[in-house]
C-alpha atoms as a PDB file:
ATOM      1  CA  MET A   1      64.079  47.213  -0.144  1.00  0.00           C
ATOM      2  CA  PRO A   2      61.058  47.336  -2.097  1.00  0.00           C
ATOM      3  CA  HIS A   3      62.300  47.907  -5.480  1.00  0.00           C
ATOM      4  CA  THR A   4      65.903  46.531  -6.041  1.00  0.00           C
ATOM      5  CA  LYS A   5      65.857  46.132  -9.819  1.00  0.00           C
ATOM      6  CA  THR A   6      65.054  49.532 -12.138  1.00  0.00           C
ATOM      7  CA  ASP A   7      63.713  49.413 -15.581  1.00  0.00           C
ATOM      8  CA  SER A   8      66.525  48.437 -17.702  1.00  0.00           C
ATOM      9  CA  ASP A   9      67.524  45.280 -14.959  1.00  0.00           C
ATOM     10  CA  VAL A  10      63.498  44.022 -16.303  1.00  0.00           C
ATOM     11  CA  GLU A  11      64.877  44.949 -19.434  1.00  0.00           C
ATOM     12  CA  ALA A  12      67.913  42.748 -19.608  1.00  0.00           C
ATOM     13  CA  LEU A  13      66.328  39.809 -17.533  1.00  0.00           C
ATOM     14  CA  ALA A  14      63.452  39.669 -20.030  1.00  0.00           C
ATOM     15  CA  LYS A  15      65.508  39.798 -23.185  1.00  0.00           C
ATOM     16  CA  LEU A  16      67.721  36.479 -21.413  1.00  0.00           C
ATOM     17  CA  GLN A  17      64.538  35.129 -20.778  1.00  0.00           C
ATOM     18  CA  VAL A  18      63.862  35.090 -24.572  1.00  0.00           C
ATOM     19  CA  ARG A  19      67.109  33.438 -25.499  1.00  0.00           C
ATOM     20  CA  LEU A  20      66.694  30.457 -22.663  1.00  0.00           C
ATOM     21  CA  ILE A  21      63.714  30.183 -23.709  1.00  0.00           C
ATOM     22  CA  ALA A  22      64.231  30.199 -27.046  1.00  0.00           C
ATOM     23  CA  HIS A  23      66.879  27.053 -26.215  1.00  0.00           C
ATOM     24  CA  ALA A  24      64.889  25.377 -23.926  1.00  0.00           C
ATOM     25  CA  PRO A  25      62.490  23.061 -26.879  1.00  0.00           C
ATOM     26  CA  ASN A  26      66.178  21.628 -27.500  1.00  0.00           C
ATOM     27  CA  LEU A  27      66.009  20.355 -24.588  1.00  0.00           C
ATOM     28  CA  LEU A  28      62.890  18.358 -24.166  1.00  0.00           C
ATOM     29  CA  LYS A  29      61.502  15.343 -25.711  1.00  0.00           C
ATOM     30  CA  PRO A  30      58.658  15.341 -27.057  1.00  0.00           C
ATOM     31  CA  GLY A  31      55.843  15.825 -24.171  1.00  0.00           C
ATOM     32  CA  GLY A  32      58.256  17.230 -22.404  1.00  0.00           C
ATOM     33  CA  ILE A  33      57.012  20.199 -19.993  1.00  0.00           C
ATOM     34  CA  LEU A  34      58.400  23.624 -20.054  1.00  0.00           C
ATOM     35  CA  VAL A  35      57.127  25.816 -17.060  1.00  0.00           C
ATOM     36  CA  ILE A  36      58.032  29.469 -17.344  1.00  0.00           C
ATOM     37  CA  CYS A  37      58.294  31.083 -13.649  1.00  0.00           C
ATOM     38  CA  PRO A  38      59.676  33.955 -12.921  1.00  0.00           C
ATOM     39  CA  CYS A  39      59.453  35.591  -9.464  1.00  0.00           C
ATOM     40  CA  SER A  40      58.381  39.074 -10.437  1.00  0.00           C
ATOM     41  CA  LEU A  41      55.007  41.602 -10.658  1.00  0.00           C
ATOM     42  CA  ALA A  42      56.532  42.641 -14.236  1.00  0.00           C
ATOM     43  CA  SER A  43      54.147  41.553 -16.905  1.00  0.00           C
ATOM     44  CA  ARG A  44      57.809  42.060 -19.412  1.00  0.00           C
ATOM     45  CA  GLU A  45      59.082  38.889 -17.254  1.00  0.00           C
ATOM     46  CA  GLY A  46      55.819  36.728 -16.817  1.00  0.00           C
ATOM     47  CA  GLU A  47      52.275  37.307 -19.341  1.00  0.00           C
ATOM     48  CA  ALA A  48      54.450  38.850 -22.321  1.00  0.00           C
ATOM     49  CA  GLN A  49      57.056  36.485 -22.176  1.00  0.00           C
ATOM     50  CA  ALA A  50      54.350  33.415 -22.187  1.00  0.00           C
ATOM     51  CA  ASP A  51      52.604  34.941 -25.231  1.00  0.00           C
ATOM     52  CA  ALA A  52      55.811  35.572 -26.987  1.00  0.00           C
ATOM     53  CA  VAL A  53      56.124  31.600 -26.881  1.00  0.00           C
ATOM     54  CA  LEU A  54      52.880  31.484 -28.315  1.00  0.00           C
ATOM     55  CA  ARG A  55      53.544  33.430 -31.180  1.00  0.00           C
ATOM     56  CA  SER A  56      57.229  32.228 -31.488  1.00  0.00           C
ATOM     57  CA  GLY A  57      57.027  29.090 -34.145  1.00  0.00           C
ATOM     58  CA  LEU A  58      58.741  26.918 -31.197  1.00  0.00           C
ATOM     59  CA  PRO A  59      57.207  23.589 -30.968  1.00  0.00           C
ATOM     60  CA  LEU A  60      55.643  24.194 -27.248  1.00  0.00           C
ATOM     61  CA  VAL A  61      51.860  24.713 -26.914  1.00  0.00           C
ATOM     62  CA  HIS A  62      50.184  25.794 -23.962  1.00  0.00           C
ATOM     63  CA  ALA A  63      49.369  23.526 -21.172  1.00  0.00           C
ATOM     64  CA  PRO A  64      46.993  25.271 -18.707  1.00  0.00           C
ATOM     65  CA  LEU A  65      47.260  25.036 -14.873  1.00  0.00           C
ATOM     66  CA  GLN A  66      44.179  24.321 -13.219  1.00  0.00           C
ATOM     67  CA  PRO A  67      42.966  25.003  -9.565  1.00  0.00           C
ATOM     68  CA  GLY A  68      43.015  22.766  -7.128  1.00  0.00           C
ATOM     69  CA  GLY A  69      45.162  21.464  -3.952  1.00  0.00           C
ATOM     70  CA  TRP A  70      47.583  24.166  -3.901  1.00  0.00           C
ATOM     71  CA  LEU A  71      46.742  25.692  -6.805  1.00  0.00           C
ATOM     72  CA  ASN A  72      43.707  28.651  -5.026  1.00  0.00           C
ATOM     73  CA  GLN A  73      41.332  29.470  -8.038  1.00  0.00           C
ATOM     74  CA  GLU A  74      42.129  33.621  -7.094  1.00  0.00           C
ATOM     75  CA  TRP A  75      45.788  32.614  -8.228  1.00  0.00           C
ATOM     76  CA  ILE A  76      44.557  31.231 -12.175  1.00  0.00           C
ATOM     77  CA  ASP A  77      43.784  33.614 -14.638  1.00  0.00           C
ATOM     78  CA  ALA A  78      41.325  32.448 -17.344  1.00  0.00           C
ATOM     79  CA  ARG A  79      43.982  31.464 -19.378  1.00  0.00           C
ATOM     80  CA  GLY A  80      45.234  29.079 -17.028  1.00  0.00           C
ATOM     81  CA  ASN A  81      48.478  30.889 -16.197  1.00  0.00           C
ATOM     82  CA  LEU A  82      49.527  31.053 -12.105  1.00  0.00           C
ATOM     83  CA  ARG A  83      50.065  34.960 -11.141  1.00  0.00           C
ATOM     84  CA  THR A  84      50.324  35.298  -6.961  1.00  0.00           C
ATOM     85  CA  LEU A  85      50.521  39.155  -6.126  1.00  0.00           C
ATOM     86  CA  PRO A  86      51.944  40.322  -2.690  1.00  0.00           C
ATOM     87  CA  PHE A  87      47.991  40.318  -1.079  1.00  0.00           C
ATOM     88  CA  HIS A  88      47.920  37.039  -1.807  1.00  0.00           C
ATOM     89  CA  GLY A  89      47.406  34.452   1.141  1.00  0.00           C
ATOM     90  CA  ASP A  90      47.137  34.682   4.858  1.00  0.00           C
ATOM     91  CA  PHE A  91      49.197  32.179   6.816  1.00  0.00           C
ATOM     92  CA  GLY A  92      49.174  34.206   9.761  1.00  0.00           C
ATOM     93  CA  GLU A  93      50.182  36.404  11.597  1.00  0.00           C
ATOM     94  CA  ALA A  94      53.739  35.351  11.383  1.00  0.00           C
ATOM     95  CA  GLN A  95      53.454  35.362   7.963  1.00  0.00           C
ATOM     96  CA  SER A  96      51.121  37.052   5.642  1.00  0.00           C
ATOM     97  CA  GLY A  97      51.319  38.056   2.101  1.00  0.00           C
ATOM     98  CA  MET A  98      53.390  36.306  -0.875  1.00  0.00           C
ATOM     99  CA  ASP A  99      55.576  37.311  -3.212  1.00  0.00           C
ATOM    100  CA  GLY A 100      54.528  38.326  -7.189  1.00  0.00           C
ATOM    101  CA  PHE A 101      55.235  35.388  -8.757  1.00  0.00           C
ATOM    102  CA  PHE A 102      54.090  34.010 -11.972  1.00  0.00           C
ATOM    103  CA  ALA A 103      53.738  30.388 -13.929  1.00  0.00           C
ATOM    104  CA  SER A 104      52.934  29.423 -17.421  1.00  0.00           C
ATOM    105  CA  ARG A 105      53.559  25.798 -18.578  1.00  0.00           C
ATOM    106  CA  PHE A 106      54.293  24.540 -22.096  1.00  0.00           C
ATOM    107  CA  ARG A 107      54.318  20.903 -23.726  1.00  0.00           C
ATOM    108  CA  ARG A 108      56.757  20.119 -26.541  1.00  0.00           C
ATOM    109  CA  THR A 109      54.874  18.845 -29.494  1.00  0.00           C
ATOM    110  CA  ALA A 110      57.592  17.090 -31.807  1.00  0.00           C
END
């Protein structure tokens, strides 16, 4: 079943993510790391959430990811966020492709 979420499901999840992200700095020490990482192709749950963090005034700064090790250059965008797509990855005949995934890393300031 390729589409299990409706637009209203995605919107509700994005609103929940906003609340979770707003609370997250309270759980981090200064220098602590927050990673936003929805397993979703929807930019409302990925890129838009990362952009909202930067505009929010929360005590978080972006900590760009760098390619290397298991992080393929093809998966890292110009801003240092990870985005995988179903056509990424060739793991042999038994397992090819991967899920749509997004990750953005932030560091708590003060």
